[in-house]
Amino acid sequence: MTADALRHAALADANAPAISRSRIWTGRVLSGLSALFLIADGAMKLRPPVQVTQAFQMLGMPIELAPVIGTILLVCVAVYLVPRTAVLGALLLTAYLGGAVAVQLRAGTPLFETLFPTFIAIAAWLGLYLREPRLRALLPVRSE
């Protein structure tokens, strides 16, 4: 974005109507729930229990990659949870979760398990969209 575009966005943001408390809290809850799930998932990969080891075997992934994958996920979640970098974090999480879908598809897992990372990504983006006015200005929902 150019400096003029940033100034215009800042002025538009200053003149924007106040965001409802319920919208902000709904966004926080969605963001928080998706972040909690992803933190738990990433933490379990750092010292994989038997269930994670079995899942990695079923997916055809070497268990030695679990701590690396867990660390990548936790870094992405940390970037998402910092308000200043939340949009970048959402992009990183989308990439990570897209990779998870690809691995699930390759392994031939049931449809719900394959699409579950997509549901988490949608919750993360929706939570961010509801609580971040600059994102709503960038991606307006039209009533037409």
Protein backbone atom coordinates (compact mmCIF):
# COMPACT_ATOMS: atom_id res chain seq x y z
CA MET A 1 0.00 0.00 0.00
CA THR A 2 1.21 3.47 -0.78
CA ALA A 3 1.53 6.18 1.83
CA ASP A 4 -1.50 8.01 0.37
CA ALA A 5 -3.59 4.85 0.53
CA LEU A 6 -2.57 4.32 4.16
CA ARG A 7 -3.49 7.93 5.03
CA HIS A 8 -6.83 7.53 3.25
CA ALA A 9 -7.48 4.27 5.14
CA ALA A 10 -6.59 5.97 8.43
CA LEU A 11 -8.97 8.87 7.72
CA ALA A 12 -11.72 6.47 6.69
CA ASP A 13 -11.06 4.49 9.86
CA ALA A 14 -11.34 7.63 11.99
CA ASN A 15 -14.67 8.52 10.36
CA ALA A 16 -16.02 4.97 10.49
CA PRO A 17 -18.97 4.25 12.78
CA ALA A 18 -18.22 2.63 16.10
CA ILE A 19 -18.05 -1.15 16.07
CA SER A 20 -20.64 -2.89 18.19
CA ARG A 21 -19.42 -4.61 21.32
CA SER A 22 -21.12 -7.84 20.31
CA ARG A 23 -19.25 -7.86 16.97
CA ILE A 24 -15.92 -7.34 18.72
CA TRP A 25 -16.61 -10.03 21.31
CA THR A 26 -17.85 -12.49 18.71
CA GLY A 27 -14.64 -11.87 16.78
CA ARG A 28 -12.54 -12.33 19.89
CA VAL A 29 -14.31 -15.58 20.78
CA LEU A 30 -13.89 -17.00 17.26
CA SER A 31 -10.25 -15.92 17.15
CA GLY A 32 -9.64 -17.27 20.64
CA LEU A 33 -11.25 -20.64 20.00
CA SER A 34 -9.36 -21.18 16.77
CA ALA A 35 -6.11 -20.04 18.41
CA LEU A 36 -6.65 -22.34 21.43
CA PHE A 37 -7.24 -25.32 19.18
CA LEU A 38 -4.15 -24.54 17.10
CA ILE A 39 -1.98 -23.95 20.20
CA ALA A 40 -3.05 -27.33 21.59
CA ASP A 41 -2.34 -28.97 18.23
CA GLY A 42 1.08 -27.34 17.94
CA ALA A 43 2.03 -28.13 21.55
CA MET A 44 1.13 -31.80 21.10
CA LYS A 45 3.52 -31.99 18.15
CA LEU A 46 6.47 -30.76 20.24
CA ARG A 47 6.48 -33.94 22.36
CA PRO A 48 4.21 -36.23 20.37
CA PRO A 49 2.06 -38.65 22.36
CA VAL A 50 1.10 -42.03 20.91
CA GLN A 51 -1.99 -40.60 19.14
CA VAL A 52 0.11 -38.05 17.25
CA THR A 53 2.67 -40.72 16.33
CA GLN A 54 -0.12 -42.95 14.98
CA ALA A 55 -1.66 -40.05 13.04
CA PHE A 56 1.70 -39.21 11.47
CA GLN A 57 2.15 -42.86 10.45
CA MET A 58 -1.35 -42.95 8.94
CA LEU A 59 -0.61 -39.76 6.98
CA GLY A 60 2.73 -41.08 5.77
CA MET A 61 4.73 -38.38 7.54
CA PRO A 62 7.96 -39.05 9.43
CA ILE A 63 7.44 -38.47 13.16
CA GLU A 64 10.77 -36.59 13.27
CA LEU A 65 8.99 -33.71 11.54
CA ALA A 66 6.40 -33.33 14.33
CA PRO A 67 8.42 -30.87 16.48
CA VAL A 68 9.30 -28.77 13.42
CA ILE A 69 5.67 -28.68 12.26
CA GLY A 70 4.51 -27.88 15.80
CA THR A 71 7.00 -25.02 16.09
CA ILE A 72 5.94 -23.58 12.73
CA LEU A 73 2.29 -23.73 13.81
CA LEU A 74 2.97 -22.07 17.18
CA VAL A 75 4.93 -19.25 15.52
CA CYS A 76 2.07 -18.67 13.05
CA VAL A 77 -0.45 -18.55 15.93
CA ALA A 78 1.76 -16.13 17.87
CA VAL A 79 1.91 -13.81 14.86
CA TYR A 80 -1.90 -14.10 14.54
CA LEU A 81 -2.48 -13.22 18.21
CA VAL A 82 -0.48 -9.97 18.08
CA PRO A 83 -2.99 -7.32 16.93
CA ARG A 84 -0.42 -5.45 14.85
CA THR A 85 0.51 -8.61 12.87
CA ALA A 86 -2.83 -10.46 12.99
CA VAL A 87 -3.52 -10.25 9.25
CA LEU A 88 -0.07 -11.64 8.44
CA GLY A 89 -0.70 -14.37 11.02
CA ALA A 90 -4.03 -15.22 9.40
CA LEU A 91 -2.28 -15.52 6.03
CA LEU A 92 0.39 -17.77 7.52
CA LEU A 93 -2.22 -19.92 9.25
CA THR A 94 -4.17 -20.21 6.00
CA ALA A 95 -1.05 -21.49 4.25
CA TYR A 96 -0.31 -23.94 7.07
CA LEU A 97 -3.89 -25.21 7.17
CA GLY A 98 -3.97 -25.50 3.38
CA GLY A 99 -0.98 -27.81 3.66
CA ALA A 100 -2.85 -29.81 6.28
CA VAL A 101 -5.78 -30.24 3.88
CA ALA A 102 -3.39 -31.39 1.14
CA VAL A 103 -1.83 -34.00 3.43
CA GLN A 104 -5.28 -35.23 4.49
CA LEU A 105 -6.40 -35.48 0.86
CA ARG A 106 -3.29 -37.42 -0.08
CA ALA A 107 -3.88 -39.87 2.78
CA GLY A 108 -7.53 -40.37 1.79
CA THR A 109 -9.00 -39.42 5.17
CA PRO A 110 -12.78 -38.97 5.57
CA LEU A 111 -14.23 -35.71 4.22
CA PHE A 112 -14.89 -34.06 7.61
CA GLU A 113 -11.32 -34.71 8.79
CA THR A 114 -10.01 -33.45 5.46
CA LEU A 115 -12.02 -30.23 5.65
CA PHE A 116 -11.56 -29.57 9.39
CA PRO A 117 -8.48 -27.35 8.85
CA THR A 118 -10.59 -25.30 6.43
CA PHE A 119 -13.20 -24.76 9.16
CA ILE A 120 -10.48 -23.58 11.55
CA ALA A 121 -9.14 -21.16 8.92
CA ILE A 122 -12.64 -19.79 8.32
CA ALA A 123 -13.13 -19.25 12.07
CA ALA A 124 -9.75 -17.49 12.34
CA TRP A 125 -10.48 -15.16 9.40
CA LEU A 126 -14.07 -14.48 10.48
CA GLY A 127 -12.88 -13.65 14.00
CA LEU A 128 -10.29 -11.27 12.62
CA TYR A 129 -12.78 -9.74 10.17
CA LEU A 130 -15.27 -9.04 12.96
CA ARG A 131 -12.73 -7.39 15.27
CA GLU A 132 -10.54 -5.56 12.74
CA PRO A 133 -12.11 -2.49 11.08
CA ARG A 134 -9.19 -2.07 8.64
CA LEU A 135 -9.79 -5.58 7.29
CA ARG A 136 -13.51 -4.83 6.86
CA ALA A 137 -12.56 -1.64 4.97
CA LEU A 138 -10.25 -3.65 2.73
CA LEU A 139 -12.82 -6.43 2.15
CA PRO A 140 -16.25 -4.84 2.41
CA VAL A 141 -19.33 -7.03 2.36
CA ARG A 142 -21.84 -5.57 -0.04
CA SER A 143 -25.56 -5.80 0.48
CA GLU A 144 -26.35 -5.71 -3.27
